[in-house]
Amino acid sequence: MAVTWEISTLERNSSDDGVIVAHWRASDVDGDHSGSSYGTCGFTPDSSADGYTAYSDITEAQAIGWVKDSMGEEAVTGVEDSIAAQIADSKAPALAIGTPW
């Protein structure tokens, strides 16, 4: 199992094409069991800064890197641990619902 990160969409300033929000999703699947998390990260783009990437040149891998850098290693690990816990809970639920008849 390995968590897959993806970018659902990017919001940008139309005046300078700077990305201001990245919507991300992280997910994993183990057989019939899955887990996922969704969130956003905000940015303040500076088109005059070294390393600025024009919107048309941004790759998904680059945007995922921005999201993970923005979140920090501890938060990324927390998201991935939460997804693993969702899968574990799905495999062995702590709560059973039903009737005995």
C-alpha atoms as a PDB file:
ATOM      1  CA  MET A   1       0.000   0.000   0.000  1.00  0.00           C
ATOM      2  CA  ALA A   2       1.197   3.450  -0.827  1.00  0.00           C
ATOM      3  CA  VAL A   3      -0.732   6.673  -0.541  1.00  0.00           C
ATOM      4  CA  THR A   4      -1.291   8.392  -3.873  1.00  0.00           C
ATOM      5  CA  TRP A   5      -1.398  12.185  -3.882  1.00  0.00           C
ATOM      6  CA  GLU A   6      -3.140  14.115  -6.642  1.00  0.00           C
ATOM      7  CA  ILE A   7      -4.212  17.653  -7.400  1.00  0.00           C
ATOM      8  CA  SER A   8      -7.945  17.996  -8.037  1.00  0.00           C
ATOM      9  CA  THR A   9      -7.768  21.585  -9.254  1.00  0.00           C
ATOM     10  CA  LEU A  10      -5.767  24.784  -8.983  1.00  0.00           C
ATOM     11  CA  GLU A  11      -7.127  28.278  -8.421  1.00  0.00           C
ATOM     12  CA  ARG A  12      -5.114  31.111  -9.918  1.00  0.00           C
ATOM     13  CA  ASN A  13      -5.027  34.844 -10.350  1.00  0.00           C
ATOM     14  CA  SER A  14      -6.019  35.551 -13.932  1.00  0.00           C
ATOM     15  CA  SER A  15      -3.847  38.688 -13.974  1.00  0.00           C
ATOM     16  CA  ASP A  16      -0.503  36.910 -13.462  1.00  0.00           C
ATOM     17  CA  ASP A  17      -1.451  33.194 -13.577  1.00  0.00           C
ATOM     18  CA  GLY A  18      -0.107  32.702 -10.057  1.00  0.00           C
ATOM     19  CA  VAL A  19      -1.559  29.706  -8.222  1.00  0.00           C
ATOM     20  CA  ILE A  20      -3.291  30.847  -5.033  1.00  0.00           C
ATOM     21  CA  VAL A  21      -4.999  27.592  -3.950  1.00  0.00           C
ATOM     22  CA  ALA A  22      -4.301  23.926  -4.646  1.00  0.00           C
ATOM     23  CA  HIS A  23      -7.041  21.388  -3.942  1.00  0.00           C
ATOM     24  CA  TRP A  24      -5.473  18.023  -3.160  1.00  0.00           C
ATOM     25  CA  ARG A  25      -6.602  14.474  -2.495  1.00  0.00           C
ATOM     26  CA  ALA A  26      -4.606  11.641  -0.957  1.00  0.00           C
ATOM     27  CA  SER A  27      -5.889   8.069  -1.133  1.00  0.00           C
ATOM     28  CA  ASP A  28      -4.961   4.423  -0.819  1.00  0.00           C
ATOM     29  CA  VAL A  29      -6.683   1.125  -1.567  1.00  0.00           C
ATOM     30  CA  ASP A  30      -6.086  -2.340  -0.135  1.00  0.00           C
ATOM     31  CA  GLY A  31      -8.393  -4.817  -1.844  1.00  0.00           C
ATOM     32  CA  ASP A  32     -11.979  -3.847  -0.992  1.00  0.00           C
ATOM     33  CA  HIS A  33     -10.826  -1.330   1.622  1.00  0.00           C
ATOM     34  CA  SER A  34      -9.914   2.283   0.973  1.00  0.00           C
ATOM     35  CA  GLY A  35      -9.166   5.538   2.724  1.00  0.00           C
ATOM     36  CA  SER A  36      -8.816   9.117   1.576  1.00  0.00           C
ATOM     37  CA  SER A  37      -8.335  12.699   2.638  1.00  0.00           C
ATOM     38  CA  TYR A  38      -9.020  15.989   0.859  1.00  0.00           C
ATOM     39  CA  GLY A  39      -7.818  19.488   1.558  1.00  0.00           C
ATOM     40  CA  THR A  40      -6.530  22.774   0.232  1.00  0.00           C
ATOM     41  CA  CYS A  41      -3.348  24.791   0.558  1.00  0.00           C
ATOM     42  CA  GLY A  42      -3.098  28.506  -0.079  1.00  0.00           C
ATOM     43  CA  PHE A  43      -0.174  30.293  -1.696  1.00  0.00           C
ATOM     44  CA  THR A  44       0.963  33.860  -2.304  1.00  0.00           C
ATOM     45  CA  PRO A  45       2.615  33.801  -5.720  1.00  0.00           C
ATOM     46  CA  ASP A  46       5.289  36.304  -6.707  1.00  0.00           C
ATOM     47  CA  SER A  47       5.841  36.409 -10.455  1.00  0.00           C
ATOM     48  CA  SER A  48       9.095  38.337  -9.989  1.00  0.00           C
ATOM     49  CA  ALA A  49      10.661  35.712  -7.685  1.00  0.00           C
ATOM     50  CA  ASP A  50      13.360  33.324  -8.818  1.00  0.00           C
ATOM     51  CA  GLY A  51      11.876  29.909  -9.524  1.00  0.00           C
ATOM     52  CA  TYR A  52       8.405  31.265 -10.340  1.00  0.00           C
ATOM     53  CA  THR A  53       6.585  28.842 -12.628  1.00  0.00           C
ATOM     54  CA  ALA A  54       4.031  30.094 -15.130  1.00  0.00           C
ATOM     55  CA  TYR A  55       0.661  28.353 -14.854  1.00  0.00           C
ATOM     56  CA  SER A  56       1.014  26.672 -18.249  1.00  0.00           C
ATOM     57  CA  ASP A  57       4.331  25.119 -17.147  1.00  0.00           C
ATOM     58  CA  ILE A  58       3.214  23.676 -13.794  1.00  0.00           C
ATOM     59  CA  THR A  59       3.241  19.884 -13.527  1.00  0.00           C
ATOM     60  CA  GLU A  60       1.091  17.899 -11.121  1.00  0.00           C
ATOM     61  CA  ALA A  61       4.239  16.558  -9.451  1.00  0.00           C
ATOM     62  CA  GLN A  62       5.420  20.134  -8.866  1.00  0.00           C
ATOM     63  CA  ALA A  63       2.051  21.179  -7.405  1.00  0.00           C
ATOM     64  CA  ILE A  64       2.032  18.117  -5.116  1.00  0.00           C
ATOM     65  CA  GLY A  65       5.507  19.144  -3.951  1.00  0.00           C
ATOM     66  CA  TRP A  66       4.218  22.645  -3.156  1.00  0.00           C
ATOM     67  CA  VAL A  67       1.314  21.172  -1.174  1.00  0.00           C
ATOM     68  CA  LYS A  68       3.527  18.818   0.831  1.00  0.00           C
ATOM     69  CA  ASP A  69       6.103  21.567   1.483  1.00  0.00           C
ATOM     70  CA  SER A  70       3.315  23.901   2.619  1.00  0.00           C
ATOM     71  CA  MET A  71       1.847  21.265   4.933  1.00  0.00           C
ATOM     72  CA  GLY A  72       5.153  20.147   6.411  1.00  0.00           C
ATOM     73  CA  GLU A  73       6.436  16.621   6.925  1.00  0.00           C
ATOM     74  CA  GLU A  74       4.532  16.045  10.172  1.00  0.00           C
ATOM     75  CA  ALA A  75       1.159  16.958   8.622  1.00  0.00           C
ATOM     76  CA  VAL A  76       1.840  14.853   5.506  1.00  0.00           C
ATOM     77  CA  THR A  77       2.671  11.883   7.739  1.00  0.00           C
ATOM     78  CA  GLY A  78      -0.507  12.562   9.726  1.00  0.00           C
ATOM     79  CA  VAL A  79      -2.639  12.473   6.570  1.00  0.00           C
ATOM     80  CA  GLU A  80      -1.026   9.230   5.438  1.00  0.00           C
ATOM     81  CA  ASP A  81      -1.408   7.675   8.906  1.00  0.00           C
ATOM     82  CA  SER A  82      -5.089   8.688   8.952  1.00  0.00           C
ATOM     83  CA  ILE A  83      -5.644   6.970   5.609  1.00  0.00           C
ATOM     84  CA  ALA A  84      -3.941   3.805   6.892  1.00  0.00           C
ATOM     85  CA  ALA A  85      -6.188   3.928   9.976  1.00  0.00           C
ATOM     86  CA  GLN A  86      -9.292   4.270   7.784  1.00  0.00           C
ATOM     87  CA  ILE A  87      -8.280   1.127   5.907  1.00  0.00           C
ATOM     88  CA  ALA A  88      -7.521  -0.751   9.138  1.00  0.00           C
ATOM     89  CA  ASP A  89     -10.905   0.290  10.577  1.00  0.00           C
ATOM     90  CA  SER A  90     -12.630  -0.862   7.401  1.00  0.00           C
ATOM     91  CA  LYS A  91     -10.982  -4.282   7.690  1.00  0.00           C
ATOM     92  CA  ALA A  92     -11.841  -4.713  11.374  1.00  0.00           C
ATOM     93  CA  PRO A  93     -14.654  -2.337  12.342  1.00  0.00           C
ATOM     94  CA  ALA A  94     -14.867  -1.424  16.022  1.00  0.00           C
ATOM     95  CA  LEU A  95     -18.607  -0.804  15.746  1.00  0.00           C
ATOM     96  CA  ALA A  96     -21.105  -3.365  14.505  1.00  0.00           C
ATOM     97  CA  ILE A  97     -24.613  -2.328  13.442  1.00  0.00           C
ATOM     98  CA  GLY A  98     -27.583  -4.585  12.925  1.00  0.00           C
ATOM     99  CA  THR A  99     -30.160  -6.721  14.667  1.00  0.00           C
ATOM    100  CA  PRO A 100     -29.785 -10.250  16.012  1.00  0.00           C
ATOM    101  CA  TRP A 101     -32.883 -11.624  14.249  1.00  0.00           C
END
